[in-house]
Full PDB file with SEQRES, HELIX, SHEET, SSBOND, CRYST1, ORIGX, SCALE, CONECT and MASTER records, all heavy atoms in Angstrom:
SEQRES   1 A   32  VAL GLN ALA GLY GLY SER LEU ARG PHE SER CYS ALA ALA          
SEQRES   2 A   32  SER ARG SER ILE TRP SER ILE ASN PRO MET GLY TRP TYR          
SEQRES   3 A   32  ARG GLN ALA PRO GLY LYS                                      
CRYST1    1.000    1.000    1.000  90.00  90.00  90.00 P 1           1          
ORIGX1      1.000000  0.000000  0.000000        0.00000                         
ORIGX2      0.000000  1.000000  0.000000        0.00000                         
ORIGX3      0.000000  0.000000  1.000000        0.00000                         
SCALE1      1.000000  0.000000  0.000000        0.00000                         
SCALE2      0.000000  1.000000  0.000000        0.00000                         
SCALE3      0.000000  0.000000  1.000000        0.00000                         
ATOM      1  N   VAL A   1      11.185  18.753 -11.459  1.00  0.00           N  
ATOM      2  CA  VAL A   1      12.223  19.692 -11.052  1.00  0.00           C  
ATOM      3  C   VAL A   1      13.501  19.350 -11.842  1.00  0.00           C  
ATOM      4  O   VAL A   1      13.738  18.187 -12.197  1.00  0.00           O  
ATOM      5  CB  VAL A   1      12.488  19.672  -9.519  1.00  0.00           C  
ATOM      6  CG1 VAL A   1      13.037  18.339  -9.097  1.00  0.00           C  
ATOM      7  CG2 VAL A   1      13.356  20.844  -9.112  1.00  0.00           C  
ATOM      8  N   GLN A   2      14.348  20.346 -12.067  1.00  0.00           N  
ATOM      9  CA  GLN A   2      15.634  20.087 -12.692  1.00  0.00           C  
ATOM     10  C   GLN A   2      16.646  19.580 -11.672  1.00  0.00           C  
ATOM     11  O   GLN A   2      16.509  19.852 -10.473  1.00  0.00           O  
ATOM     12  CB  GLN A   2      16.166  21.352 -13.346  1.00  0.00           C  
ATOM     13  CG  GLN A   2      15.416  21.775 -14.624  1.00  0.00           C  
ATOM     14  CD  GLN A   2      16.056  22.925 -15.316  1.00  0.00           C  
ATOM     15  OE1 GLN A   2      16.716  23.773 -14.713  1.00  0.00           O  
ATOM     16  NE2 GLN A   2      15.948  22.991 -16.641  1.00  0.00           N  
ATOM     17  N   ALA A   3      17.610  18.861 -12.145  1.00  0.00           N  
ATOM     18  CA  ALA A   3      18.674  18.369 -11.304  1.00  0.00           C  
ATOM     19  C   ALA A   3      19.288  19.525 -10.551  1.00  0.00           C  
ATOM     20  O   ALA A   3      19.541  20.618 -11.106  1.00  0.00           O  
ATOM     21  CB  ALA A   3      19.732  17.613 -12.098  1.00  0.00           C  
ATOM     22  N   GLY A   4      19.554  19.313  -9.267  1.00  0.00           N  
ATOM     23  CA  GLY A   4      20.112  20.328  -8.397  1.00  0.00           C  
ATOM     24  C   GLY A   4      19.036  21.127  -7.663  1.00  0.00           C  
ATOM     25  O   GLY A   4      19.349  21.909  -6.769  1.00  0.00           O  
ATOM     26  N   GLY A   5      17.807  20.949  -8.076  1.00  0.00           N  
ATOM     27  CA  GLY A   5      16.713  21.694  -7.451  1.00  0.00           C  
ATOM     28  C   GLY A   5      16.210  21.094  -6.144  1.00  0.00           C  
ATOM     29  O   GLY A   5      16.804  20.087  -5.637  1.00  0.00           O  
ATOM     30  N   SER A   6      15.154  21.676  -5.629  1.00  0.00           N  
ATOM     31  CA  SER A   6      14.626  21.211  -4.356  1.00  0.00           C  
ATOM     32  C   SER A   6      13.114  21.051  -4.448  1.00  0.00           C  
ATOM     33  O   SER A   6      12.447  21.701  -5.230  1.00  0.00           O  
ATOM     34  CB  SER A   6      14.918  22.272  -3.245  1.00  0.00           C  
ATOM     35  OG  SER A   6      16.285  22.432  -3.051  1.00  0.00           O  
ATOM     36  N   LEU A   7      12.614  20.171  -3.615  1.00  0.00           N  
ATOM     37  CA  LEU A   7      11.203  19.945  -3.453  1.00  0.00           C  
ATOM     38  C   LEU A   7      10.892  19.623  -1.988  1.00  0.00           C  
ATOM     39  O   LEU A   7      11.785  19.194  -1.265  1.00  0.00           O  
ATOM     40  CB  LEU A   7      10.688  18.771  -4.304  1.00  0.00           C  
ATOM     41  CG  LEU A   7      10.575  18.969  -5.811  1.00  0.00           C  
ATOM     42  CD1 LEU A   7      10.277  17.624  -6.465  1.00  0.00           C  
ATOM     43  CD2 LEU A   7       9.511  20.006  -6.155  1.00  0.00           C  
ATOM     44  N   ARG A   8       9.681  19.872  -1.605  1.00  0.00           N  
ATOM     45  CA  ARG A   8       9.267  19.609  -0.216  1.00  0.00           C  
ATOM     46  C   ARG A   8       7.927  18.848  -0.241  1.00  0.00           C  
ATOM     47  O   ARG A   8       7.009  19.300  -0.871  1.00  0.00           O  
ATOM     48  CB  ARG A   8       9.132  20.882   0.593  1.00  0.00           C  
ATOM     49  CG  ARG A   8       8.879  20.625   2.091  1.00  0.00           C  
ATOM     50  CD  ARG A   8       8.908  21.956   2.818  1.00  0.00           C  
ATOM     51  NE  ARG A   8       8.861  21.776   4.270  1.00  0.00           N  
ATOM     52  CZ  ARG A   8       7.874  22.178   5.058  1.00  0.00           C  
ATOM     53  NH1 ARG A   8       6.811  22.736   4.512  1.00  0.00           N  
ATOM     54  NH2 ARG A   8       7.914  22.001   6.393  1.00  0.00           N  
ATOM     55  N   PHE A   9       7.904  17.734   0.460  1.00  0.00           N  
ATOM     56  CA  PHE A   9       6.702  16.991   0.630  1.00  0.00           C  
ATOM     57  C   PHE A   9       6.094  17.203   2.001  1.00  0.00           C  
ATOM     58  O   PHE A   9       6.845  17.429   2.966  1.00  0.00           O  
ATOM     59  CB  PHE A   9       6.988  15.478   0.555  1.00  0.00           C  
ATOM     60  CG  PHE A   9       7.120  14.909  -0.803  1.00  0.00           C  
ATOM     61  CD1 PHE A   9       8.231  14.190  -1.145  1.00  0.00           C  
ATOM     62  CD2 PHE A   9       6.129  15.096  -1.784  1.00  0.00           C  
ATOM     63  CE1 PHE A   9       8.348  13.636  -2.431  1.00  0.00           C  
ATOM     64  CE2 PHE A   9       6.247  14.548  -3.033  1.00  0.00           C  
ATOM     65  CZ  PHE A   9       7.338  13.830  -3.366  1.00  0.00           C  
ATOM     66  N   SER A  10       4.814  17.074   2.093  1.00  0.00           N  
ATOM     67  CA  SER A  10       4.195  16.971   3.384  1.00  0.00           C  
ATOM     68  C   SER A  10       3.192  15.829   3.356  1.00  0.00           C  
ATOM     69  O   SER A  10       2.702  15.461   2.295  1.00  0.00           O  
ATOM     70  CB  SER A  10       3.476  18.253   3.813  1.00  0.00           C  
ATOM     71  OG  SER A  10       2.419  18.556   2.895  1.00  0.00           O  
ATOM     72  N   CYS A  11       2.936  15.247   4.498  1.00  0.00           N  
ATOM     73  CA  CYS A  11       1.984  14.118   4.604  1.00  0.00           C  
ATOM     74  C   CYS A  11       1.234  14.269   5.905  1.00  0.00           C  
ATOM     75  O   CYS A  11       1.852  14.188   6.979  1.00  0.00           O  
ATOM     76  CB  CYS A  11       2.774  12.820   4.555  1.00  0.00           C  
ATOM     77  SG  CYS A  11       1.794  11.340   4.874  1.00  0.00           S  
ATOM     78  N   ALA A  12      -0.054  14.512   5.782  1.00  0.00           N  
ATOM     79  CA  ALA A  12      -0.881  14.721   6.988  1.00  0.00           C  
ATOM     80  C   ALA A  12      -1.695  13.521   7.303  1.00  0.00           C  
ATOM     81  O   ALA A  12      -2.343  12.917   6.424  1.00  0.00           O  
ATOM     82  CB  ALA A  12      -1.801  15.918   6.737  1.00  0.00           C  
ATOM     83  N   ALA A  13      -1.661  13.163   8.585  1.00  0.00           N  
ATOM     84  CA  ALA A  13      -2.467  12.037   9.063  1.00  0.00           C  
ATOM     85  C   ALA A  13      -3.839  12.484   9.490  1.00  0.00           C  
ATOM     86  O   ALA A  13      -4.019  13.615   9.947  1.00  0.00           O  
ATOM     87  CB  ALA A  13      -1.770  11.325  10.211  1.00  0.00           C  
ATOM     88  N   SER A  14      -4.818  11.605   9.368  1.00  0.00           N  
ATOM     89  CA  SER A  14      -6.223  11.970   9.656  1.00  0.00           C  
ATOM     90  C   SER A  14      -6.514  11.940  11.173  1.00  0.00           C  
ATOM     91  O   SER A  14      -7.640  12.288  11.549  1.00  0.00           O  
ATOM     92  CB  SER A  14      -7.158  11.035   8.885  1.00  0.00           C  
ATOM     93  OG  SER A  14      -6.978   9.733   9.297  1.00  0.00           O  
ATOM     94  N   ARG A  15      -5.615  11.453  11.961  1.00  0.00           N  
ATOM     95  CA  ARG A  15      -5.848  11.403  13.406  1.00  0.00           C  
ATOM     96  C   ARG A  15      -4.553  11.702  14.133  1.00  0.00           C  
ATOM     97  O   ARG A  15      -3.493  11.748  13.538  1.00  0.00           O  
ATOM     98  CB  ARG A  15      -6.437  10.063  13.801  1.00  0.00           C  
ATOM     99  CG  ARG A  15      -5.547   8.884  13.497  1.00  0.00           C  
ATOM    100  CD  ARG A  15      -6.002   7.649  14.284  1.00  0.00           C  
ATOM    101  NE  ARG A  15      -5.925   7.920  15.691  1.00  0.00           N  
ATOM    102  CZ  ARG A  15      -6.762   7.343  16.600  1.00  0.00           C  
ATOM    103  NH1 ARG A  15      -7.737   6.540  16.180  1.00  0.00           N  
ATOM    104  NH2 ARG A  15      -6.626   7.603  17.864  1.00  0.00           N  
ATOM    105  N   SER A  16      -4.657  11.856  15.424  1.00  0.00           N  
ATOM    106  CA  SER A  16      -3.441  12.122  16.183  1.00  0.00           C  
ATOM    107  C   SER A  16      -2.522  10.949  16.159  1.00  0.00           C  
ATOM    108  O   SER A  16      -2.909   9.779  16.297  1.00  0.00           O  
ATOM    109  CB  SER A  16      -3.845  12.436  17.666  1.00  0.00           C  
ATOM    110  OG  SER A  16      -4.595  13.638  17.732  1.00  0.00           O  
ATOM    111  N   ILE A  17      -1.295  11.277  15.926  1.00  0.00           N  
ATOM    112  CA  ILE A  17      -0.215  10.264  15.897  1.00  0.00           C  
ATOM    113  C   ILE A  17       0.823  10.607  16.985  1.00  0.00           C  
ATOM    114  O   ILE A  17       1.291  11.743  17.005  1.00  0.00           O  
ATOM    115  CB  ILE A  17       0.476  10.233  14.520  1.00  0.00           C  
ATOM    116  CG1 ILE A  17      -0.515   9.915  13.406  1.00  0.00           C  
ATOM    117  CG2 ILE A  17       1.632   9.215  14.509  1.00  0.00           C  
ATOM    118  CD1 ILE A  17      -1.131   8.576  13.486  1.00  0.00           C  
ATOM    119  N   TRP A  18       1.065   9.667  17.839  1.00  0.00           N  
ATOM    120  CA  TRP A  18       2.068   9.929  18.894  1.00  0.00           C  
ATOM    121  C   TRP A  18       3.438  10.013  18.262  1.00  0.00           C  
ATOM    122  O   TRP A  18       3.765   9.370  17.252  1.00  0.00           O  
ATOM    123  CB  TRP A  18       2.000   8.779  19.914  1.00  0.00           C  
ATOM    124  CG  TRP A  18       0.720   8.685  20.582  1.00  0.00           C  
ATOM    125  CD1 TRP A  18      -0.013   9.691  21.186  1.00  0.00           C  
ATOM    126  CD2 TRP A  18      -0.036   7.473  20.810  1.00  0.00           C  
ATOM    127  NE1 TRP A  18      -1.144   9.166  21.742  1.00  0.00           N  
ATOM    128  CE2 TRP A  18      -1.206   7.802  21.518  1.00  0.00           C  
ATOM    129  CE3 TRP A  18       0.185   6.115  20.467  1.00  0.00           C  
ATOM    130  CZ2 TRP A  18      -2.145   6.898  21.889  1.00  0.00           C  
ATOM    131  CZ3 TRP A  18      -0.753   5.208  20.826  1.00  0.00           C  
ATOM    132  CH2 TRP A  18      -1.955   5.575  21.519  1.00  0.00           C  
ATOM    133  N   SER A  19       4.299  10.765  18.936  1.00  0.00           N  
ATOM    134  CA  SER A  19       5.656  10.931  18.374  1.00  0.00           C  
ATOM    135  C   SER A  19       6.410   9.657  18.375  1.00  0.00           C  
ATOM    136  O   SER A  19       7.361   9.503  17.591  1.00  0.00           O  
ATOM    137  CB  SER A  19       6.399  11.999  19.225  1.00  0.00           C  
ATOM    138  OG  SER A  19       6.568  11.544  20.536  1.00  0.00           O  
ATOM    139  N   ILE A  20       6.048   8.690  19.179  1.00  0.00           N  
ATOM    140  CA  ILE A  20       6.755   7.435  19.231  1.00  0.00           C  
ATOM    141  C   ILE A  20       6.351   6.536  18.039  1.00  0.00           C  
ATOM    142  O   ILE A  20       6.979   5.513  17.789  1.00  0.00           O  
ATOM    143  CB  ILE A  20       6.547   6.661  20.540  1.00  0.00           C  
ATOM    144  CG1 ILE A  20       5.024   6.322  20.748  1.00  0.00           C  
ATOM    145  CG2 ILE A  20       7.072   7.431  21.710  1.00  0.00           C  
ATOM    146  CD1 ILE A  20       4.796   5.374  21.906  1.00  0.00           C  
ATOM    147  N   ASN A  21       5.285   6.889  17.355  1.00  0.00           N  
ATOM    148  CA  ASN A  21       4.911   6.124  16.197  1.00  0.00           C  
ATOM    149  C   ASN A  21       5.792   6.480  15.003  1.00  0.00           C  
ATOM    150  O   ASN A  21       5.860   7.625  14.608  1.00  0.00           O  
ATOM    151  CB  ASN A  21       3.428   6.376  15.830  1.00  0.00           C  
ATOM    152  CG  ASN A  21       2.450   5.844  16.846  1.00  0.00           C  
ATOM    153  OD1 ASN A  21       1.859   6.571  17.585  1.00  0.00           O  
ATOM    154  ND2 ASN A  21       2.317   4.499  16.854  1.00  0.00           N  
ATOM    155  N   PRO A  22       6.482   5.498  14.442  1.00  0.00           N  
ATOM    156  CA  PRO A  22       7.369   5.820  13.334  1.00  0.00           C  
ATOM    157  C   PRO A  22       6.587   6.379  12.121  1.00  0.00           C  
ATOM    158  O   PRO A  22       5.500   5.848  11.795  1.00  0.00           O  
ATOM    159  CB  PRO A  22       7.961   4.470  12.975  1.00  0.00           C  
ATOM    160  CG  PRO A  22       7.814   3.654  14.220  1.00  0.00           C  
ATOM    161  CD  PRO A  22       6.534   4.103  14.821  1.00  0.00           C  
ATOM    162  N   MET A  23       7.125   7.373  11.509  1.00  0.00           N  
ATOM    163  CA  MET A  23       6.589   7.891  10.263  1.00  0.00           C  
ATOM    164  C   MET A  23       7.758   7.908   9.309  1.00  0.00           C  
ATOM    165  O   MET A  23       8.918   8.082   9.719  1.00  0.00           O  
ATOM    166  CB  MET A  23       6.025   9.297  10.399  1.00  0.00           C  
ATOM    167  CG  MET A  23       4.843   9.360  11.380  1.00  0.00           C  
ATOM    168  SD  MET A  23       4.013  10.954  11.389  1.00  0.00           S  
ATOM    169  CE  MET A  23       2.968  10.814   9.916  1.00  0.00           C  
ATOM    170  N   GLY A  24       7.483   7.755   8.037  1.00  0.00           N  
ATOM    171  CA  GLY A  24       8.570   7.710   7.083  1.00  0.00           C  
ATOM    172  C   GLY A  24       8.195   7.969   5.671  1.00  0.00           C  
ATOM    173  O   GLY A  24       7.010   8.199   5.318  1.00  0.00           O  
ATOM    174  N   TRP A  25       9.211   8.024   4.836  1.00  0.00           N  
ATOM    175  CA  TRP A  25       9.064   8.173   3.417  1.00  0.00           C  
ATOM    176  C   TRP A  25       9.784   7.036   2.703  1.00  0.00           C  
ATOM    177  O   TRP A  25      10.866   6.691   3.029  1.00  0.00           O  
ATOM    178  CB  TRP A  25       9.623   9.496   2.942  1.00  0.00           C  
ATOM    179  CG  TRP A  25       8.855  10.677   3.416  1.00  0.00           C  
ATOM    180  CD1 TRP A  25       9.080  11.424   4.585  1.00  0.00           C  
ATOM    181  CD2 TRP A  25       7.703  11.298   2.814  1.00  0.00           C  
ATOM    182  NE1 TRP A  25       8.148  12.409   4.703  1.00  0.00           N  
ATOM    183  CE2 TRP A  25       7.304  12.345   3.648  1.00  0.00           C  
ATOM    184  CE3 TRP A  25       7.006  11.018   1.647  1.00  0.00           C  
ATOM    185  CZ2 TRP A  25       6.190  13.169   3.317  1.00  0.00           C  
ATOM    186  CZ3 TRP A  25       5.906  11.834   1.326  1.00  0.00           C  
ATOM    187  CH2 TRP A  25       5.533  12.875   2.160  1.00  0.00           C  
ATOM    188  N   TYR A  26       9.103   6.527   1.676  1.00  0.00           N  
ATOM    189  CA  TYR A  26       9.656   5.492   0.839  1.00  0.00           C  
ATOM    190  C   TYR A  26       9.493   5.917  -0.604  1.00  0.00           C  
ATOM    191  O   TYR A  26       8.706   6.850  -0.883  1.00  0.00           O  
ATOM    192  CB  TYR A  26       8.924   4.131   1.072  1.00  0.00           C  
ATOM    193  CG  TYR A  26       9.213   3.514   2.411  1.00  0.00           C  
ATOM    194  CD1 TYR A  26       8.718   4.074   3.588  1.00  0.00           C  
ATOM    195  CD2 TYR A  26      10.010   2.372   2.541  1.00  0.00           C  
ATOM    196  CE1 TYR A  26       9.005   3.537   4.853  1.00  0.00           C  
ATOM    197  CE2 TYR A  26      10.294   1.823   3.748  1.00  0.00           C  
ATOM    198  CZ  TYR A  26       9.787   2.395   4.892  1.00  0.00           C  
ATOM    199  OH  TYR A  26      10.088   1.824   6.144  1.00  0.00           O  
ATOM    200  N   ARG A  27      10.187   5.269  -1.499  1.00  0.00           N  
ATOM    201  CA  ARG A  27      10.044   5.589  -2.922  1.00  0.00           C  
ATOM    202  C   ARG A  27      10.150   4.329  -3.755  1.00  0.00           C  
ATOM    203  O   ARG A  27      10.766   3.342  -3.352  1.00  0.00           O  
ATOM    204  CB  ARG A  27      11.057   6.637  -3.366  1.00  0.00           C  
ATOM    205  CG  ARG A  27      12.490   6.136  -3.356  1.00  0.00           C  
ATOM    206  CD  ARG A  27      13.444   7.312  -3.649  1.00  0.00           C  
ATOM    207  NE  ARG A  27      14.819   6.890  -3.672  1.00  0.00           N  
ATOM    208  CZ  ARG A  27      15.863   7.723  -3.798  1.00  0.00           C  
ATOM    209  NH1 ARG A  27      15.628   9.030  -3.896  1.00  0.00           N  
ATOM    210  NH2 ARG A  27      17.085   7.278  -3.836  1.00  0.00           N  
ATOM    211  N   GLN A  28       9.522   4.405  -4.926  1.00  0.00           N  
ATOM    212  CA  GLN A  28       9.587   3.290  -5.856  1.00  0.00           C  
ATOM    213  C   GLN A  28       9.798   3.820  -7.271  1.00  0.00           C  
ATOM    214  O   GLN A  28       8.950   4.576  -7.788  1.00  0.00           O  
ATOM    215  CB  GLN A  28       8.307   2.462  -5.792  1.00  0.00           C  
ATOM    216  CG  GLN A  28       8.361   1.191  -6.594  1.00  0.00           C  
ATOM    217  CD  GLN A  28       7.243   0.246  -6.270  1.00  0.00           C  
ATOM    218  OE1 GLN A  28       6.229   0.596  -5.675  1.00  0.00           O  
ATOM    219  NE2 GLN A  28       7.402  -1.032  -6.657  1.00  0.00           N  
ATOM    220  N   ALA A  29      10.911   3.489  -7.807  1.00  0.00           N  
ATOM    221  CA  ALA A  29      11.260   3.849  -9.207  1.00  0.00           C  
ATOM    222  C   ALA A  29      10.731   2.781 -10.148  1.00  0.00           C  
ATOM    223  O   ALA A  29      10.501   1.621  -9.744  1.00  0.00           O  
ATOM    224  CB  ALA A  29      12.759   4.011  -9.346  1.00  0.00           C  
ATOM    225  N   PRO A  30      10.515   3.130 -11.400  1.00  0.00           N  
ATOM    226  CA  PRO A  30       9.979   2.144 -12.351  1.00  0.00           C  
ATOM    227  C   PRO A  30      10.878   0.887 -12.424  1.00  0.00           C  
ATOM    228  O   PRO A  30      12.098   0.993 -12.535  1.00  0.00           O  
ATOM    229  CB  PRO A  30      10.021   2.908 -13.679  1.00  0.00           C  
ATOM    230  CG  PRO A  30       9.906   4.338 -13.293  1.00  0.00           C  
ATOM    231  CD  PRO A  30      10.660   4.470 -11.997  1.00  0.00           C  
ATOM    232  N   GLY A  31      10.273  -0.239 -12.312  1.00  0.00           N  
ATOM    233  CA  GLY A  31      10.978  -1.504 -12.408  1.00  0.00           C  
ATOM    234  C   GLY A  31      11.771  -1.858 -11.177  1.00  0.00           C  
ATOM    235  O   GLY A  31      12.489  -2.889 -11.169  1.00  0.00           O  
ATOM    236  N   LYS A  32      11.639  -1.092 -10.110  1.00  0.00           N  
ATOM    237  CA  LYS A  32      12.380  -1.362  -8.881  1.00  0.00           C  
ATOM    238  C   LYS A  32      11.446  -1.575  -7.710  1.00  0.00           C  
ATOM    239  O   LYS A  32      10.271  -1.193  -7.752  1.00  0.00           O  
ATOM    240  CB  LYS A  32      13.355  -0.231  -8.609  1.00  0.00           C  
ATOM    241  CG  LYS A  32      14.450  -0.077  -9.589  1.00  0.00           C  
ATOM    242  CD  LYS A  32      15.461   0.953  -9.184  1.00  0.00           C  
ATOM    243  CE  LYS A  32      16.626   1.069 -10.166  1.00  0.00           C  
ATOM    244  NZ  LYS A  32      17.634   2.045  -9.719  1.00  0.00           N  
TER     245      LYS A  32                                                      
MASTER        0    0    0    0    0    0    0    6  244    1    0    3          
END                                                                             
């Protein structure tokens, strides 16, 4: 995407996850 644009991710779990179970997103850039 170009700078200023938007994207949307989704992540589906294979089983029921309670709302109290933390879910999150992480990222890793090259060399970091």
